[in-house]
């Protein structure tokens, strides 16, 4: 850290101050709440950390070379932000150009993640289901649900959604796992493999039977990785007071340095999907309810609103400096009722 971070910029701060290069690319997703927070400064000379939003679509121009940013200084104290499912597809910089900058992204892989330096963040939810939060685990309509896209090709990730061990979980009763092939890249693939069309049509007929909002009334919510290792479903499931069941390989969960995700989610590699239902049905009622309550605590404390997400990002950044910048040290919140069986101070 002493090589990749200039601590003197942060000395004597009562609060962590960050500057955003919004003239190059405005803040996106929950970082739109940044300017209303106590962490923002419009003066780069007062900033401890510099944020750079990278995301660009193909029709948009690239951001300038990172080394031309006015305060770049080989990436010292810079954090590069990206909310995409494929780093290169959305024209993000090559890894060799990042120099000493940290990365904050929703596609954090275990094989490239630098613990206590990079930060994994969640993909933003497309919709929230907070009216379901107060339902206890065994008051819900379903045990496990998922409704989403089936990827026909292994190229680009997500191909495991077509595997029989995932789609075979569907029983039409307490477990609903339905998929559709109707997606742009699938359409092109179907032209080359028309023999898959009849099965895809059957999939879509079953898919249309179920309302997405109704399926959120479930004890567990399946959140399989998509094109990248993360899933939009994670925040959606948490918002409904349900327990996420992740299916992903090589994935770093959001804010892993703050949150004890093992008390909330269940996570399976793509090769072990056949174990999901036996595992869920074998869990004791008290463990299921504990997980549900802990998941709800995580959501409400760290992820519920844009302003809370910004505060969580800042708390994650502060944990990187713990001890070196004592004025910025902050205890991670955790209610007393969740302290049983642990002496850790993480959430």
Protein backbone atom coordinates (compact mmCIF):
# COMPACT_ATOMS: atom_id res chain seq x y z
CA UNK A 1 0.00 0.00 0.00
CA UNK A 2 2.82 2.45 0.69
CA UNK A 3 3.93 1.98 -2.94
CA UNK A 4 0.44 2.27 -4.46
CA UNK A 5 -1.08 4.92 -2.19
CA UNK A 6 -0.08 8.41 -1.08
CA UNK A 7 -1.26 8.53 2.54
CA UNK A 8 -0.23 12.15 3.00
CA UNK A 9 -3.22 13.24 0.90
CA UNK A 10 -5.52 11.85 3.61
CA UNK A 11 -3.80 13.16 6.74
CA UNK A 12 -5.91 15.17 9.20
CA UNK A 13 -9.22 14.38 7.51
CA UNK A 14 -12.32 14.16 9.68
CA UNK A 15 -14.04 12.32 6.82
CA UNK A 16 -12.75 10.52 3.75
CA UNK A 17 -12.96 12.98 0.83
CA UNK A 18 -13.23 11.85 -2.78
CA UNK A 19 -13.19 13.67 -6.09
CA UNK A 20 -14.97 12.37 -9.21
CA UNK A 21 -13.90 13.13 -12.79
CA UNK A 22 -17.49 13.82 -13.76
CA UNK A 23 -16.50 16.13 -16.60
CA UNK A 24 -15.10 13.03 -18.33
CA UNK A 25 -17.88 10.61 -17.40
CA UNK A 26 -20.69 11.46 -14.93
CA UNK A 27 -21.19 9.13 -11.94
CA UNK A 28 -23.46 6.17 -12.73
CA UNK A 29 -25.83 3.96 -10.78
CA UNK A 30 -25.62 4.53 -7.03
CA UNK A 31 -22.65 6.88 -7.37
CA UNK A 32 -25.15 9.49 -8.50
CA UNK A 33 -25.74 9.97 -4.77
CA UNK A 34 -22.09 10.77 -4.20
CA UNK A 35 -22.35 14.55 -4.53
CA UNK A 36 -25.04 14.71 -1.83
CA UNK A 37 -22.86 12.76 0.60
CA UNK A 38 -20.34 14.11 3.13
CA UNK A 39 -17.55 12.30 1.27
CA UNK A 40 -17.56 14.41 -1.90
CA UNK A 41 -15.29 17.35 -2.61
CA UNK A 42 -15.31 19.38 -5.83
CA UNK A 43 -11.74 20.45 -5.08
CA UNK A 44 -9.18 17.87 -6.30
CA UNK A 45 -6.51 19.45 -4.10
CA UNK A 46 -8.51 18.41 -1.00
CA UNK A 47 -9.25 14.85 -2.14
CA UNK A 48 -7.82 11.69 -0.65
CA UNK A 49 -9.20 9.49 -3.46
CA UNK A 50 -10.04 10.11 -7.12
CA UNK A 51 -12.90 8.16 -8.74
CA UNK A 52 -13.06 7.44 -12.47
CA UNK A 53 -16.24 5.95 -14.01
CA UNK A 54 -15.22 3.88 -17.02
CA UNK A 55 -18.34 2.36 -18.55
CA UNK A 56 -18.79 3.14 -22.23
CA UNK A 57 -21.07 1.59 -24.81
CA UNK A 58 -19.75 0.77 -28.26
CA UNK A 59 -21.30 3.86 -29.84
CA UNK A 60 -19.72 6.18 -27.24
CA UNK A 61 -16.15 7.50 -27.40
CA UNK A 62 -13.54 6.02 -25.11
CA UNK A 63 -12.42 7.93 -22.06
CA UNK A 64 -9.04 9.65 -22.55
CA UNK A 65 -5.93 7.60 -21.84
CA UNK A 66 -5.72 7.24 -18.08
CA UNK A 67 -2.26 8.77 -18.03
CA UNK A 68 -3.72 12.03 -19.43
CA UNK A 69 -6.10 12.50 -16.48
CA UNK A 70 -4.98 15.71 -14.76
CA UNK A 71 -4.31 14.11 -11.35
CA UNK A 72 -3.37 10.59 -12.52
CA UNK A 73 0.19 10.44 -11.13
CA UNK A 74 0.61 6.80 -12.26
CA UNK A 75 -2.76 5.92 -10.68
CA UNK A 76 -1.87 6.83 -7.09
CA UNK A 77 -5.06 7.18 -4.99
CA UNK A 78 -7.25 6.45 -8.03
CA UNK A 79 -10.18 4.00 -8.10
CA UNK A 80 -11.59 2.91 -11.47
CA UNK A 81 -15.33 2.08 -11.40
CA UNK A 82 -17.16 -0.26 -13.78
CA UNK A 83 -20.66 -1.81 -13.63
CA UNK A 84 -20.55 -4.20 -16.58
CA UNK A 85 -20.60 -7.94 -17.23
CA UNK A 86 -17.58 -7.94 -19.55
CA UNK A 87 -14.60 -5.62 -19.02
CA UNK A 88 -13.29 -5.60 -22.60
CA UNK A 89 -16.68 -5.64 -24.38
CA UNK A 90 -17.55 -2.23 -22.95
CA UNK A 91 -14.23 -0.78 -24.08
CA UNK A 92 -12.63 -0.48 -20.68
CA UNK A 93 -8.85 0.15 -20.49
CA UNK A 94 -6.36 -2.66 -20.86
CA UNK A 95 -5.05 -4.00 -17.55
CA UNK A 96 -1.53 -2.92 -18.46
CA UNK A 97 -2.62 0.75 -18.39
CA UNK A 98 -4.06 0.74 -14.85
CA UNK A 99 -0.68 1.28 -13.18
CA UNK A 100 -1.22 1.82 -9.42
CA UNK A 101 -4.98 2.39 -9.54
CA UNK A 102 -7.45 0.17 -7.68
CA UNK A 103 -10.50 -1.29 -9.41
CA UNK A 104 -14.08 -1.19 -8.11
CA UNK A 105 -16.26 -3.41 -10.28
CA UNK A 106 -19.18 -5.83 -10.39
CA UNK A 107 -17.13 -8.42 -12.34
CA UNK A 108 -14.51 -9.16 -9.70
CA UNK A 109 -12.78 -12.51 -10.29
CA UNK A 110 -10.90 -14.35 -7.56
CA UNK A 111 -7.99 -14.91 -9.93
CA UNK A 112 -7.41 -11.19 -10.58
CA UNK A 113 -8.74 -9.64 -7.34
CA UNK A 114 -6.22 -7.87 -5.09
CA UNK A 115 -7.59 -8.24 -1.54
CA UNK A 116 -7.67 -5.06 0.58
CA UNK A 117 -6.98 -3.03 -2.57
CA UNK A 118 -9.69 -3.73 -5.16
CA UNK A 119 -13.38 -3.63 -4.20
CA UNK A 120 -16.20 -5.83 -5.48
CA UNK A 121 -19.58 -4.06 -5.75
CA UNK A 122 -23.03 -5.43 -6.64
CA UNK A 123 -24.79 -5.00 -9.95
CA UNK A 124 -27.70 -2.57 -9.41
CA UNK A 125 -31.10 -4.21 -9.03
CA UNK A 126 -33.54 -3.73 -11.89
CA UNK A 127 -36.46 -3.73 -9.43
CA UNK A 128 -36.98 -3.93 -5.67
CA UNK A 129 -39.49 -6.08 -3.72
CA UNK A 130 -39.39 -4.58 -0.24
CA UNK A 131 -43.08 -5.27 0.43
CA UNK A 132 -42.13 -8.95 0.94
CA UNK A 133 -39.44 -8.36 3.56
CA UNK A 134 -41.53 -9.10 6.65
CA UNK A 135 -42.57 -12.60 5.50
CA UNK A 136 -40.81 -15.28 7.54
CA UNK A 137 -38.87 -17.95 5.70
CA UNK A 138 -41.60 -20.60 5.95
CA UNK A 139 -44.50 -18.26 5.28
CA UNK A 140 -43.54 -17.96 1.64
CA UNK A 141 -45.21 -19.39 -1.43
CA UNK A 142 -42.17 -21.10 -2.92
CA UNK A 143 -38.98 -22.77 -1.73
CA UNK A 144 -36.72 -21.71 -4.63
CA UNK A 145 -37.37 -19.67 -7.78
CA UNK A 146 -35.65 -18.27 -10.85
CA UNK A 147 -36.90 -16.69 -14.06
CA UNK A 148 -34.33 -15.52 -16.58
CA UNK A 149 -32.39 -15.97 -19.79
CA UNK A 150 -30.94 -19.27 -20.92
CA UNK A 151 -27.65 -18.86 -22.79
CA UNK A 152 -27.22 -21.37 -25.60
CA UNK A 153 -23.52 -20.86 -26.22
CA UNK A 154 -20.69 -21.31 -23.75
CA UNK A 155 -18.90 -18.36 -25.36
CA UNK A 156 -18.97 -15.33 -23.08
CA UNK A 157 -20.18 -17.24 -20.00
CA UNK A 158 -23.60 -18.24 -18.72
CA UNK A 159 -23.82 -21.41 -20.81
CA UNK A 160 -24.33 -23.53 -17.69
CA UNK A 161 -27.91 -22.17 -17.50
CA UNK A 162 -28.75 -24.62 -20.29
CA UNK A 163 -27.47 -27.60 -18.29
CA UNK A 164 -30.13 -30.15 -17.27
CA UNK A 165 -29.03 -30.00 -13.61
CA UNK A 166 -30.19 -26.39 -13.43
CA UNK A 167 -33.33 -26.49 -15.52
CA UNK A 168 -34.20 -29.90 -14.04
CA UNK A 169 -34.77 -28.32 -10.62
CA UNK A 170 -38.13 -27.02 -11.84
CA UNK A 171 -41.06 -29.07 -10.48
CA UNK A 172 -43.88 -26.59 -11.07
CA UNK A 173 -44.79 -26.67 -7.37
CA UNK A 174 -42.46 -25.31 -4.71
CA UNK A 175 -39.48 -24.96 -7.08
CA UNK A 176 -39.86 -22.78 -10.17
CA UNK A 177 -36.84 -22.49 -12.47
CA UNK A 178 -37.88 -21.23 -15.90
CA UNK A 179 -35.78 -19.83 -18.72
CA UNK A 180 -36.18 -18.28 -22.14
CA UNK A 181 -33.87 -18.40 -25.16
CA UNK A 182 -35.14 -15.09 -26.50
CA UNK A 183 -32.07 -12.92 -26.37
CA UNK A 184 -29.99 -11.18 -29.07
CA UNK A 185 -26.94 -13.45 -29.01
CA UNK A 186 -29.19 -16.52 -28.73
CA UNK A 187 -31.14 -15.45 -31.82
CA UNK A 188 -27.96 -15.50 -33.90
CA UNK A 189 -26.95 -18.86 -32.42
CA UNK A 190 -30.36 -20.37 -33.23
CA UNK A 191 -29.92 -19.50 -36.88
CA UNK A 192 -26.83 -21.71 -36.91
CA UNK A 193 -28.48 -24.42 -34.78
CA UNK A 194 -32.17 -24.57 -35.77
CA UNK A 195 -32.48 -28.00 -34.14
CA UNK A 196 -32.61 -26.20 -30.75
CA UNK A 197 -35.65 -24.11 -31.69
CA UNK A 198 -38.39 -26.57 -30.62
CA UNK A 199 -36.92 -26.98 -27.13
CA UNK A 200 -36.52 -23.22 -26.80
CA UNK A 201 -40.18 -22.70 -27.70
CA UNK A 202 -41.21 -25.18 -25.00
CA UNK A 203 -38.99 -23.33 -22.54
CA UNK A 204 -40.60 -20.02 -23.42
CA UNK A 205 -44.14 -21.36 -23.01
CA UNK A 206 -43.31 -22.44 -19.45
CA UNK A 207 -41.45 -19.17 -18.85
CA UNK A 208 -44.55 -17.08 -19.71
CA UNK A 209 -46.68 -18.89 -17.13
CA UNK A 210 -44.99 -17.17 -14.21
CA UNK A 211 -44.97 -13.58 -13.00
CA UNK A 212 -41.57 -12.38 -11.84
CA UNK A 213 -42.96 -10.46 -8.86
CA UNK A 214 -44.92 -13.48 -7.68
CA UNK A 215 -41.77 -15.63 -7.83
CA UNK A 216 -40.00 -13.27 -5.43
CA UNK A 217 -42.29 -14.61 -2.69
CA UNK A 218 -39.79 -17.41 -2.09
CA UNK A 219 -37.65 -18.62 0.80
CA UNK A 220 -34.62 -18.88 -1.49
CA UNK A 221 -33.87 -17.04 -4.73
CA UNK A 222 -31.59 -18.56 -7.34
CA UNK A 223 -28.97 -16.09 -8.62
CA UNK A 224 -26.94 -17.80 -11.34
CA UNK A 225 -24.09 -15.91 -12.95
CA UNK A 226 -24.84 -14.36 -16.31
CA UNK A 227 -22.32 -13.30 -18.93
CA UNK A 228 -20.02 -12.42 -16.05
CA UNK A 229 -19.67 -13.97 -12.57
CA UNK A 230 -22.18 -11.65 -10.88
CA UNK A 231 -25.97 -11.40 -11.12
CA UNK A 232 -28.57 -8.62 -11.03
CA UNK A 233 -30.67 -11.06 -8.98
CA UNK A 234 -28.51 -10.70 -5.85
CA UNK A 235 -29.85 -7.29 -4.78
CA UNK A 236 -33.35 -8.12 -6.00
CA UNK A 237 -33.50 -11.27 -3.85
CA UNK A 238 -32.10 -9.46 -0.82
CA UNK A 239 -34.63 -6.66 -1.24
CA UNK A 240 -37.45 -9.23 -0.95
CA UNK A 241 -36.08 -10.59 2.33
CA UNK A 242 -35.16 -13.88 0.66
CA UNK A 243 -31.95 -15.91 0.83
CA UNK A 244 -29.77 -15.80 -2.31
CA UNK A 245 -28.47 -19.08 -3.72
CA UNK A 246 -25.55 -18.15 -5.95
CA UNK A 247 -24.24 -20.27 -8.80
CA UNK A 248 -20.92 -18.89 -9.96
CA UNK A 249 -17.25 -19.71 -10.43
CA UNK A 250 -14.29 -17.49 -9.62
CA UNK A 251 -16.46 -14.76 -8.05
CA UNK A 252 -15.69 -12.31 -5.23
CA UNK A 253 -18.85 -11.29 -3.39
CA UNK A 254 -19.52 -7.54 -2.98
CA UNK A 255 -17.76 -5.82 -0.08
CA UNK A 256 -16.25 -9.13 1.03
CA UNK A 257 -13.96 -7.30 3.47
CA UNK A 258 -16.99 -5.98 5.37
CA UNK A 259 -19.77 -8.54 5.13
CA UNK A 260 -19.92 -12.12 6.41
CA UNK A 261 -21.76 -13.44 3.39
CA UNK A 262 -21.38 -17.03 4.58
CA UNK A 263 -24.06 -16.25 7.20
CA UNK A 264 -26.51 -15.27 4.49
CA UNK A 265 -26.01 -16.72 1.00
CA UNK A 266 -25.39 -20.25 -0.17
CA UNK A 267 -22.94 -20.51 -3.05
CA UNK A 268 -22.42 -23.38 -5.46
CA UNK A 269 -19.95 -23.81 -8.32
CA UNK A 270 -21.51 -24.51 -11.69
CA UNK A 271 -20.36 -28.14 -11.54
CA UNK A 272 -22.33 -28.79 -8.32
CA UNK A 273 -25.80 -27.50 -9.20
CA UNK A 274 -27.26 -30.97 -8.61
CA UNK A 275 -26.54 -30.44 -4.88
CA UNK A 276 -28.65 -27.29 -4.53
CA UNK A 277 -32.09 -28.77 -3.81
CA UNK A 278 -30.88 -31.57 -1.49
CA UNK A 279 -28.90 -28.97 0.46
CA UNK A 280 -31.82 -26.55 0.82
CA UNK A 281 -34.26 -29.26 1.88
CA UNK A 282 -31.80 -30.56 4.50
CA UNK A 283 -31.34 -27.20 6.25
CA UNK A 284 -32.85 -26.88 9.72
CA UNK A 285 -35.66 -24.37 10.13
CA UNK A 286 -33.74 -22.29 12.67
CA UNK A 287 -30.75 -21.99 10.33
CA UNK A 288 -32.96 -20.94 7.42
CA UNK A 289 -34.63 -18.24 9.51
CA UNK A 290 -31.28 -17.04 10.85
CA UNK A 291 -29.95 -16.73 7.30
CA UNK A 292 -33.05 -14.84 6.21
CA UNK A 293 -32.72 -12.37 9.09
CA UNK A 294 -29.00 -11.90 8.48
CA UNK A 295 -29.56 -11.33 4.76
CA UNK A 296 -32.13 -8.68 5.62
CA UNK A 297 -29.69 -7.04 8.02
CA UNK A 298 -27.03 -6.92 5.28
CA UNK A 299 -29.46 -5.40 2.82
CA UNK A 300 -30.81 -2.74 5.20
CA UNK A 301 -27.46 -1.78 6.68
CA UNK A 302 -25.29 -1.70 3.55
CA UNK A 303 -27.26 -1.94 0.30
CA UNK A 304 -30.80 -0.60 0.67
CA UNK A 305 -30.42 2.86 -0.88
CA UNK A 306 -27.97 4.69 -3.10
CA UNK A 307 -26.76 6.76 -0.16
CA UNK A 308 -26.15 3.61 1.92
CA UNK A 309 -24.24 2.03 -0.96
CA UNK A 310 -22.03 5.11 -1.20
CA UNK A 311 -21.43 4.98 2.57
CA UNK A 312 -20.57 1.25 2.28
CA UNK A 313 -18.05 1.99 -0.46
CA UNK A 314 -16.43 4.60 1.77
CA UNK A 315 -16.37 2.18 4.69
CA UNK A 316 -14.70 -0.39 2.44
CA UNK A 317 -12.10 2.17 1.44
CA UNK A 318 -11.48 3.07 5.09
CA UNK A 319 -10.79 -0.56 5.99
CA UNK A 320 -7.83 -0.41 3.62
CA UNK A 321 -6.23 2.28 5.79
CA UNK A 322 -7.13 0.96 9.23
CA UNK A 323 -4.38 1.83 11.71
CA UNK A 324 -2.54 4.08 9.29
CA UNK A 325 -5.22 6.77 9.29
CA UNK A 326 -6.74 6.40 12.78
CA UNK A 327 -8.98 9.46 12.44
CA UNK A 328 -10.82 7.68 9.62
CA UNK A 329 -11.17 4.37 11.43
CA UNK A 330 -14.78 3.27 11.73
CA UNK A 331 -16.26 0.19 13.40
CA UNK A 332 -18.29 -2.00 11.09
CA UNK A 333 -21.88 -2.25 12.40
CA UNK A 334 -23.28 -5.59 13.54
CA UNK A 335 -26.28 -6.04 15.91
CA UNK A 336 -25.69 -7.89 19.16
CA UNK A 337 -28.15 -10.66 18.26
CA UNK A 338 -25.91 -11.69 15.36
CA UNK A 339 -22.72 -11.90 17.40
CA UNK A 340 -23.32 -15.44 18.65
CA UNK A 341 -20.69 -17.89 17.55
CA UNK A 342 -18.17 -15.31 16.36
CA UNK A 343 -15.63 -12.87 17.73
CA UNK A 344 -15.18 -11.12 14.39
CA UNK A 345 -16.03 -7.47 13.96
CA UNK A 346 -17.20 -7.74 10.38
CA UNK A 347 -20.88 -7.47 9.57
